[in-house]
Amino acid sequence: MQIEVLKAWPRVHAQRTLDLADGSTVSDALAAIADLMDDVAGYAVFGVRVETDAVLRDGDRLELLRALQIDPKDARRRRAAERAAR
């Protein structure tokens, strides 16, 4: 089966297509792309967060996720405060 692996950070983008055996897991895919694993905080398949024991299917897109830089609630509060100050 073929899966696509995608890592998209600001100013950094990497994409790979992997040929894996049927029944392979996220962990199996990660073993094949060890060079892309710096700063990875999680994984998703088509935007749905998964663990490393999740079974992949032919055509899946495995997305490598980075850690949040700021709490989304704090970011929203800051933007609202900036707008109110104008």
PDB file of N, CA and C in Angstrom:
ATOM      1  N   MET A   1       0.840  -1.176   0.000  1.00  0.00           N
ATOM      2  CA  MET A   1       0.000   0.000   0.000  1.00  0.00           C
ATOM      3  C   MET A   1       0.884   1.237   0.000  1.00  0.00           C
ATOM      4  N   GLN A   2       0.344   2.324  -0.516  1.00  0.00           N
ATOM      5  CA  GLN A   2       1.080   3.584  -0.538  1.00  0.00           C
ATOM      6  C   GLN A   2       0.414   4.581   0.403  1.00  0.00           C
ATOM      7  N   ILE A   3       1.249   5.302   1.162  1.00  0.00           N
ATOM      8  CA  ILE A   3       0.762   6.396   1.978  1.00  0.00           C
ATOM      9  C   ILE A   3       1.636   7.609   1.702  1.00  0.00           C
ATOM     10  N   GLU A   4       1.085   8.762   1.962  1.00  0.00           N
ATOM     11  CA  GLU A   4       1.814  10.018   1.805  1.00  0.00           C
ATOM     12  C   GLU A   4       2.128  10.541   3.205  1.00  0.00           C
ATOM     13  N   VAL A   5       3.357  10.987   3.412  1.00  0.00           N
ATOM     14  CA  VAL A   5       3.758  11.593   4.680  1.00  0.00           C
ATOM     15  C   VAL A   5       4.026  13.061   4.413  1.00  0.00           C
ATOM     16  N   LEU A   6       3.456  13.921   5.247  1.00  0.00           N
ATOM     17  CA  LEU A   6       3.569  15.358   5.047  1.00  0.00           C
ATOM     18  C   LEU A   6       4.028  16.034   6.325  1.00  0.00           C
ATOM     19  N   LYS A   7       5.054  16.883   6.195  1.00  0.00           N
ATOM     20  CA  LYS A   7       5.530  17.726   7.292  1.00  0.00           C
ATOM     21  C   LYS A   7       5.521  19.148   6.752  1.00  0.00           C
ATOM     22  N   ALA A   8       4.716  20.010   7.382  1.00  0.00           N
ATOM     23  CA  ALA A   8       4.612  21.391   6.913  1.00  0.00           C
ATOM     24  C   ALA A   8       4.742  22.338   8.100  1.00  0.00           C
ATOM     25  N   TRP A   9       5.896  22.905   8.252  1.00  0.00           N
ATOM     26  CA  TRP A   9       6.192  23.899   9.277  1.00  0.00           C
ATOM     27  C   TRP A   9       6.318  25.236   8.556  1.00  0.00           C
ATOM     28  N   PRO A  10       6.292  26.347   9.285  1.00  0.00           N
ATOM     29  CA  PRO A  10       6.575  27.622   8.609  1.00  0.00           C
ATOM     30  C   PRO A  10       7.970  27.570   7.961  1.00  0.00           C
ATOM     31  N   ARG A  11       8.041  27.868   6.699  1.00  0.00           N
ATOM     32  CA  ARG A  11       9.281  27.895   5.911  1.00  0.00           C
ATOM     33  C   ARG A  11       9.953  26.527   5.744  1.00  0.00           C
ATOM     34  N   VAL A  12       9.283  25.442   6.131  1.00  0.00           N
ATOM     35  CA  VAL A  12       9.830  24.092   5.955  1.00  0.00           C
ATOM     36  C   VAL A  12       8.700  23.184   5.471  1.00  0.00           C
ATOM     37  N   HIS A  13       8.972  22.453   4.401  1.00  0.00           N
ATOM     38  CA  HIS A  13       7.963  21.559   3.854  1.00  0.00           C
ATOM     39  C   HIS A  13       8.656  20.293   3.364  1.00  0.00           C
ATOM     40  N   ALA A  14       8.101  19.151   3.709  1.00  0.00           N
ATOM     41  CA  ALA A  14       8.636  17.883   3.210  1.00  0.00           C
ATOM     42  C   ALA A  14       7.464  16.949   2.945  1.00  0.00           C
ATOM     43  N   GLN A  15       7.580  16.215   1.847  1.00  0.00           N
ATOM     44  CA  GLN A  15       6.541  15.262   1.467  1.00  0.00           C
ATOM     45  C   GLN A  15       7.214  14.008   0.952  1.00  0.00           C
ATOM     46  N   ARG A  16       6.724  12.861   1.385  1.00  0.00           N
ATOM     47  CA  ARG A  16       7.259  11.582   0.923  1.00  0.00           C
ATOM     48  C   ARG A  16       6.116  10.631   0.648  1.00  0.00           C
ATOM     49  N   THR A  17       6.308   9.764  -0.302  1.00  0.00           N
ATOM     50  CA  THR A  17       5.380   8.669  -0.561  1.00  0.00           C
ATOM     51  C   THR A  17       6.081   7.384  -0.138  1.00  0.00           C
ATOM     52  N   LEU A  18       5.417   6.616   0.704  1.00  0.00           N
ATOM     53  CA  LEU A  18       6.001   5.375   1.212  1.00  0.00           C
ATOM     54  C   LEU A  18       5.214   4.181   0.712  1.00  0.00           C
ATOM     55  N   ASP A  19       5.930   3.114   0.391  1.00  0.00           N
ATOM     56  CA  ASP A  19       5.313   1.820   0.076  1.00  0.00           C
ATOM     57  C   ASP A  19       5.466   0.953   1.310  1.00  0.00           C
ATOM     58  N   LEU A  20       4.351   0.607   1.932  1.00  0.00           N
ATOM     59  CA  LEU A  20       4.355  -0.189   3.153  1.00  0.00           C
ATOM     60  C   LEU A  20       3.515  -1.441   2.957  1.00  0.00           C
ATOM     61  N   ALA A  21       3.758  -2.420   3.804  1.00  0.00           N
ATOM     62  CA  ALA A  21       2.972  -3.656   3.762  1.00  0.00           C
ATOM     63  C   ALA A  21       1.573  -3.388   4.296  1.00  0.00           C
ATOM     64  N   ASP A  22       0.601  -4.127   3.802  1.00  0.00           N
ATOM     65  CA  ASP A  22      -0.767  -4.006   4.324  1.00  0.00           C
ATOM     66  C   ASP A  22      -0.749  -4.261   5.826  1.00  0.00           C
ATOM     67  N   GLY A  23      -1.527  -3.482   6.572  1.00  0.00           N
ATOM     68  CA  GLY A  23      -1.583  -3.633   8.017  1.00  0.00           C
ATOM     69  C   GLY A  23      -0.508  -2.879   8.768  1.00  0.00           C
ATOM     70  N   SER A  24       0.286  -2.078   8.063  1.00  0.00           N
ATOM     71  CA  SER A  24       1.339  -1.298   8.719  1.00  0.00           C
ATOM     72  C   SER A  24       0.725  -0.227   9.607  1.00  0.00           C
ATOM     73  N   THR A  25       1.455   0.153  10.637  1.00  0.00           N
ATOM     74  CA  THR A  25       0.986   1.153  11.589  1.00  0.00           C
ATOM     75  C   THR A  25       1.736   2.468  11.387  1.00  0.00           C
ATOM     76  N   VAL A  26       1.298   3.475  12.107  1.00  0.00           N
ATOM     77  CA  VAL A  26       1.990   4.773  12.085  1.00  0.00           C
ATOM     78  C   VAL A  26       3.439   4.577  12.503  1.00  0.00           C
ATOM     79  N   SER A  27       3.661   3.737  13.492  1.00  0.00           N
ATOM     80  CA  SER A  27       5.018   3.459  13.965  1.00  0.00           C
ATOM     81  C   SER A  27       5.908   2.904  12.845  1.00  0.00           C
ATOM     82  N   ASP A  28       5.364   2.030  12.014  1.00  0.00           N
ATOM     83  CA  ASP A  28       6.112   1.472  10.885  1.00  0.00           C
ATOM     84  C   ASP A  28       6.499   2.573   9.903  1.00  0.00           C
ATOM     85  N   ALA A  29       5.562   3.489   9.637  1.00  0.00           N
ATOM     86  CA  ALA A  29       5.839   4.592   8.719  1.00  0.00           C
ATOM     87  C   ALA A  29       6.907   5.516   9.295  1.00  0.00           C
ATOM     88  N   LEU A  30       6.838   5.773  10.602  1.00  0.00           N
ATOM     89  CA  LEU A  30       7.814   6.663  11.227  1.00  0.00           C
ATOM     90  C   LEU A  30       9.225   6.088  11.162  1.00  0.00           C
ATOM     91  N   ALA A  31       9.336   4.787  11.249  1.00  0.00           N
ATOM     92  CA  ALA A  31      10.642   4.146  11.149  1.00  0.00           C
ATOM     93  C   ALA A  31      11.276   4.388   9.779  1.00  0.00           C
ATOM     94  N   ALA A  32      10.442   4.543   8.758  1.00  0.00           N
ATOM     95  CA  ALA A  32      10.937   4.756   7.395  1.00  0.00           C
ATOM     96  C   ALA A  32      11.307   6.206   7.115  1.00  0.00           C
ATOM     97  N   ILE A  33      10.924   7.126   7.998  1.00  0.00           N
ATOM     98  CA  ILE A  33      11.188   8.549   7.758  1.00  0.00           C
ATOM     99  C   ILE A  33      11.881   9.203   8.945  1.00  0.00           C
ATOM    100  N   ALA A  34      12.803   8.499   9.558  1.00  0.00           N
ATOM    101  CA  ALA A  34      13.472   8.988  10.772  1.00  0.00           C
ATOM    102  C   ALA A  34      14.110  10.365  10.577  1.00  0.00           C
ATOM    103  N   ASP A  35      14.544  10.682   9.373  1.00  0.00           N
ATOM    104  CA  ASP A  35      15.198  11.976   9.124  1.00  0.00           C
ATOM    105  C   ASP A  35      14.233  13.159   9.207  1.00  0.00           C
ATOM    106  N   LEU A  36      12.931  12.929   9.163  1.00  0.00           N
ATOM    107  CA  LEU A  36      11.938  14.013   9.249  1.00  0.00           C
ATOM    108  C   LEU A  36      11.403  14.216  10.660  1.00  0.00           C
ATOM    109  N   MET A  37      11.860  13.455  11.625  1.00  0.00           N
ATOM    110  CA  MET A  37      11.225  13.405  12.928  1.00  0.00           C
ATOM    111  C   MET A  37      11.642  14.492  13.919  1.00  0.00           C
ATOM    112  N   ASP A  38      12.517  15.415  13.569  1.00  0.00           N
ATOM    113  CA  ASP A  38      12.899  16.464  14.508  1.00  0.00           C
ATOM    114  C   ASP A  38      11.715  17.403  14.770  1.00  0.00           C
ATOM    115  N   ASP A  39      11.474  17.724  16.027  1.00  0.00           N
ATOM    116  CA  ASP A  39      10.423  18.645  16.471  1.00  0.00           C
ATOM    117  C   ASP A  39       9.000  18.150  16.208  1.00  0.00           C
ATOM    118  N   VAL A  40       8.807  16.868  16.048  1.00  0.00           N
ATOM    119  CA  VAL A  40       7.454  16.336  15.836  1.00  0.00           C
ATOM    120  C   VAL A  40       6.823  16.048  17.196  1.00  0.00           C
ATOM    121  N   ALA A  41       5.617  16.579  17.405  1.00  0.00           N
ATOM    122  CA  ALA A  41       4.932  16.418  18.689  1.00  0.00           C
ATOM    123  C   ALA A  41       3.727  15.485  18.602  1.00  0.00           C
ATOM    124  N   GLY A  42       3.294  15.143  17.396  1.00  0.00           N
ATOM    125  CA  GLY A  42       2.131  14.275  17.246  1.00  0.00           C
ATOM    126  C   GLY A  42       1.919  13.892  15.796  1.00  0.00           C
ATOM    127  N   TYR A  43       0.847  13.130  15.560  1.00  0.00           N
ATOM    128  CA  TYR A  43       0.567  12.592  14.235  1.00  0.00           C
ATOM    129  C   TYR A  43      -0.926  12.670  13.962  1.00  0.00           C
ATOM    130  N   ALA A  44      -1.277  12.827  12.692  1.00  0.00           N
ATOM    131  CA  ALA A  44      -2.677  12.832  12.288  1.00  0.00           C
ATOM    132  C   ALA A  44      -2.790  12.141  10.933  1.00  0.00           C
ATOM    133  N   VAL A  45      -3.947  11.558  10.691  1.00  0.00           N
ATOM    134  CA  VAL A  45      -4.268  10.991   9.378  1.00  0.00           C
ATOM    135  C   VAL A  45      -5.450  11.791   8.866  1.00  0.00           C
ATOM    136  N   PHE A  46      -5.235  12.510   7.780  1.00  0.00           N
ATOM    137  CA  PHE A  46      -6.242  13.401   7.202  1.00  0.00           C
ATOM    138  C   PHE A  46      -6.830  14.336   8.270  1.00  0.00           C
ATOM    139  N   GLY A  47      -5.962  14.884   9.126  1.00  0.00           N
ATOM    140  CA  GLY A  47      -6.385  15.872  10.111  1.00  0.00           C
ATOM    141  C   GLY A  47      -6.951  15.322  11.398  1.00  0.00           C
ATOM    142  N   VAL A  48      -7.048  14.019  11.529  1.00  0.00           N
ATOM    143  CA  VAL A  48      -7.557  13.397  12.752  1.00  0.00           C
ATOM    144  C   VAL A  48      -6.365  12.811  13.512  1.00  0.00           C
ATOM    145  N   ARG A  49      -6.174  13.291  14.744  1.00  0.00           N
ATOM    146  CA  ARG A  49      -5.029  12.871  15.533  1.00  0.00           C
ATOM    147  C   ARG A  49      -5.065  11.369  15.783  1.00  0.00           C
ATOM    148  N   VAL A  50      -3.900  10.723  15.652  1.00  0.00           N
ATOM    149  CA  VAL A  50      -3.776   9.277  15.871  1.00  0.00           C
ATOM    150  C   VAL A  50      -2.562   8.998  16.738  1.00  0.00           C
ATOM    151  N   GLU A  51      -2.547   7.805  17.308  1.00  0.00           N
ATOM    152  CA  GLU A  51      -1.398   7.322  18.074  1.00  0.00           C
ATOM    153  C   GLU A  51      -0.539   6.448  17.166  1.00  0.00           C
ATOM    154  N   THR A  52       0.639   6.080  17.654  1.00  0.00           N
ATOM    155  CA  THR A  52       1.572   5.324  16.815  1.00  0.00           C
ATOM    156  C   THR A  52       1.105   3.906  16.505  1.00  0.00           C
ATOM    157  N   ASP A  53       0.127   3.385  17.251  1.00  0.00           N
ATOM    158  CA  ASP A  53      -0.356   2.028  16.971  1.00  0.00           C
ATOM    159  C   ASP A  53      -1.536   1.993  15.993  1.00  0.00           C
ATOM    160  N   ALA A  54      -1.925   3.159  15.456  1.00  0.00           N
ATOM    161  CA  ALA A  54      -3.024   3.217  14.489  1.00  0.00           C
ATOM    162  C   ALA A  54      -2.621   2.525  13.188  1.00  0.00           C
ATOM    163  N   VAL A  55      -3.524   1.737  12.663  1.00  0.00           N
ATOM    164  CA  VAL A  55      -3.283   1.013  11.406  1.00  0.00           C
ATOM    165  C   VAL A  55      -3.584   1.945  10.237  1.00  0.00           C
ATOM    166  N   LEU A  56      -2.662   1.987   9.289  1.00  0.00           N
ATOM    167  CA  LEU A  56      -2.824   2.827   8.108  1.00  0.00           C
ATOM    168  C   LEU A  56      -3.496   2.044   6.986  1.00  0.00           C
ATOM    169  N   ARG A  57      -4.153   2.787   6.091  1.00  0.00           N
ATOM    170  CA  ARG A  57      -4.795   2.181   4.924  1.00  0.00           C
ATOM    171  C   ARG A  57      -4.199   2.788   3.656  1.00  0.00           C
ATOM    172  N   ASP A  58      -4.332   2.073   2.578  1.00  0.00           N
ATOM    173  CA  ASP A  58      -3.823   2.545   1.294  1.00  0.00           C
ATOM    174  C   ASP A  58      -4.399   3.924   0.981  1.00  0.00           C
ATOM    175  N   GLY A  59      -3.527   4.862   0.625  1.00  0.00           N
ATOM    176  CA  GLY A  59      -3.957   6.202   0.258  1.00  0.00           C
ATOM    177  C   GLY A  59      -4.019   7.187   1.411  1.00  0.00           C
ATOM    178  N   ASP A  60      -3.734   6.736   2.640  1.00  0.00           N
ATOM    179  CA  ASP A  60      -3.762   7.649   3.782  1.00  0.00           C
ATOM    180  C   ASP A  60      -2.686   8.721   3.664  1.00  0.00           C
ATOM    181  N   ARG A  61      -2.964   9.879   4.279  1.00  0.00           N
ATOM    182  CA  ARG A  61      -1.970  10.952   4.377  1.00  0.00           C
ATOM    183  C   ARG A  61      -1.621  11.098   5.855  1.00  0.00           C
ATOM    184  N   LEU A  62      -0.402  10.736   6.205  1.00  0.00           N
ATOM    185  CA  LEU A  62       0.093  10.858   7.571  1.00  0.00           C
ATOM    186  C   LEU A  62       0.730  12.228   7.728  1.00  0.00           C
ATOM    187  N   GLU A  63       0.188  13.018   8.650  1.00  0.00           N
ATOM    188  CA  GLU A  63       0.677  14.381   8.859  1.00  0.00           C
ATOM    189  C   GLU A  63       1.490  14.429  10.143  1.00  0.00           C
ATOM    190  N   LEU A  64       2.670  15.003  10.073  1.00  0.00           N
ATOM    191  CA  LEU A  64       3.519  15.185  11.238  1.00  0.00           C
ATOM    192  C   LEU A  64       3.194  16.533  11.845  1.00  0.00           C
ATOM    193  N   LEU A  65       2.876  16.542  13.128  1.00  0.00           N
ATOM    194  CA  LEU A  65       2.409  17.758  13.795  1.00  0.00           C
ATOM    195  C   LEU A  65       3.489  18.325  14.704  1.00  0.00           C
ATOM    196  N   ARG A  66       3.530  19.643  14.797  1.00  0.00           N
ATOM    197  CA  ARG A  66       4.475  20.279  15.727  1.00  0.00           C
ATOM    198  C   ARG A  66       3.708  20.740  16.957  1.00  0.00           C
ATOM    199  N   ALA A  67       4.439  21.030  18.012  1.00  0.00           N
ATOM    200  CA  ALA A  67       3.811  21.494  19.247  1.00  0.00           C
ATOM    201  C   ALA A  67       3.261  22.901  19.042  1.00  0.00           C
ATOM    202  N   LEU A  68       2.214  23.230  19.782  1.00  0.00           N
ATOM    203  CA  LEU A  68       1.666  24.582  19.721  1.00  0.00           C
ATOM    204  C   LEU A  68       2.697  25.580  20.241  1.00  0.00           C
ATOM    205  N   GLN A  69       2.796  26.719  19.585  1.00  0.00           N
ATOM    206  CA  GLN A  69       3.721  27.756  20.012  1.00  0.00           C
ATOM    207  C   GLN A  69       3.113  28.612  21.117  1.00  0.00           C
ATOM    208  N   ILE A  70       1.794  28.710  21.138  1.00  0.00           N
ATOM    209  CA  ILE A  70       1.071  29.493  22.129  1.00  0.00           C
ATOM    210  C   ILE A  70      -0.303  28.868  22.309  1.00  0.00           C
ATOM    211  N   ASP A  71      -0.831  28.943  23.507  1.00  0.00           N
ATOM    212  CA  ASP A  71      -2.163  28.432  23.783  1.00  0.00           C
ATOM    213  C   ASP A  71      -3.169  29.199  22.913  1.00  0.00           C
ATOM    214  N   PRO A  72      -4.031  28.513  22.159  1.00  0.00           N
ATOM    215  CA  PRO A  72      -4.979  29.204  21.279  1.00  0.00           C
ATOM    216  C   PRO A  72      -5.885  30.197  22.010  1.00  0.00           C
ATOM    217  N   LYS A  73      -6.264  29.882  23.235  1.00  0.00           N
ATOM    218  CA  LYS A  73      -7.096  30.819  23.997  1.00  0.00           C
ATOM    219  C   LYS A  73      -6.336  32.093  24.322  1.00  0.00           C
ATOM    220  N   ASP A  74      -5.071  31.950  24.690  1.00  0.00           N
ATOM    221  CA  ASP A  74      -4.251  33.136  24.972  1.00  0.00           C
ATOM    222  C   ASP A  74      -4.060  33.981  23.719  1.00  0.00           C
ATOM    223  N   ALA A  75      -3.848  33.328  22.587  1.00  0.00           N
ATOM    224  CA  ALA A  75      -3.668  34.063  21.333  1.00  0.00           C
ATOM    225  C   ALA A  75      -4.926  34.860  20.992  1.00  0.00           C
ATOM    226  N   ARG A  76      -6.099  34.250  21.176  1.00  0.00           N
ATOM    227  CA  ARG A  76      -7.350  34.953  20.905  1.00  0.00           C
ATOM    228  C   ARG A  76      -7.531  36.139  21.848  1.00  0.00           C
ATOM    229  N   ARG A  77      -7.207  35.950  23.107  1.00  0.00           N
ATOM    230  CA  ARG A  77      -7.315  37.065  24.064  1.00  0.00           C
ATOM    231  C   ARG A  77      -6.400  38.221  23.679  1.00  0.00           C
ATOM    232  N   ARG A  78      -5.190  37.901  23.261  1.00  0.00           N
ATOM    233  CA  ARG A  78      -4.237  38.951  22.847  1.00  0.00           C
ATOM    234  C   ARG A  78      -4.750  39.715  21.633  1.00  0.00           C
ATOM    235  N   ARG A  79      -5.270  38.989  20.645  1.00  0.00           N
ATOM    236  CA  ARG A  79      -5.800  39.664  19.455  1.00  0.00           C
ATOM    237  C   ARG A  79      -6.985  40.549  19.811  1.00  0.00           C
ATOM    238  N   ALA A  80      -7.856  40.057  20.686  1.00  0.00           N
ATOM    239  CA  ALA A  80      -9.023  40.856  21.099  1.00  0.00           C
ATOM    240  C   ALA A  80      -8.581  42.097  21.854  1.00  0.00           C
ATOM    241  N   ALA A  81      -7.585  41.968  22.696  1.00  0.00           N
ATOM    242  CA  ALA A  81      -7.085  43.132  23.450  1.00  0.00           C
ATOM    243  C   ALA A  81      -6.452  44.153  22.517  1.00  0.00           C
ATOM    244  N   GLU A  82      -5.730  43.683  21.496  1.00  0.00           N
ATOM    245  CA  GLU A  82      -5.124  44.597  20.518  1.00  0.00           C
ATOM    246  C   GLU A  82      -6.195  45.354  19.733  1.00  0.00           C
ATOM    247  N   ARG A  83      -7.266  44.665  19.352  1.00  0.00           N
ATOM    248  CA  ARG A  83      -8.350  45.316  18.623  1.00  0.00           C
ATOM    249  C   ARG A  83      -9.068  46.343  19.506  1.00  0.00           C
ATOM    250  N   ALA A  84      -9.247  46.003  20.773  1.00  0.00           N
ATOM    251  CA  ALA A  84      -9.932  46.912  21.706  1.00  0.00           C
ATOM    252  C   ALA A  84      -9.094  48.158  21.993  1.00  0.00           C
ATOM    253  N   ALA A  85      -7.775  48.036  21.907  1.00  0.00           N
ATOM    254  CA  ALA A  85      -6.874  49.152  22.195  1.00  0.00           C
ATOM    255  C   ALA A  85      -6.821  50.151  21.028  1.00  0.00           C
ATOM    256  N   ARG A  86      -7.306  49.786  19.870  1.00  0.00           N
ATOM    257  CA  ARG A  86      -7.241  50.665  18.697  1.00  0.00           C
ATOM    258  C   ARG A  86      -8.245  51.759  18.757  1.00  0.00           C
TER     259      ARG A  86
END
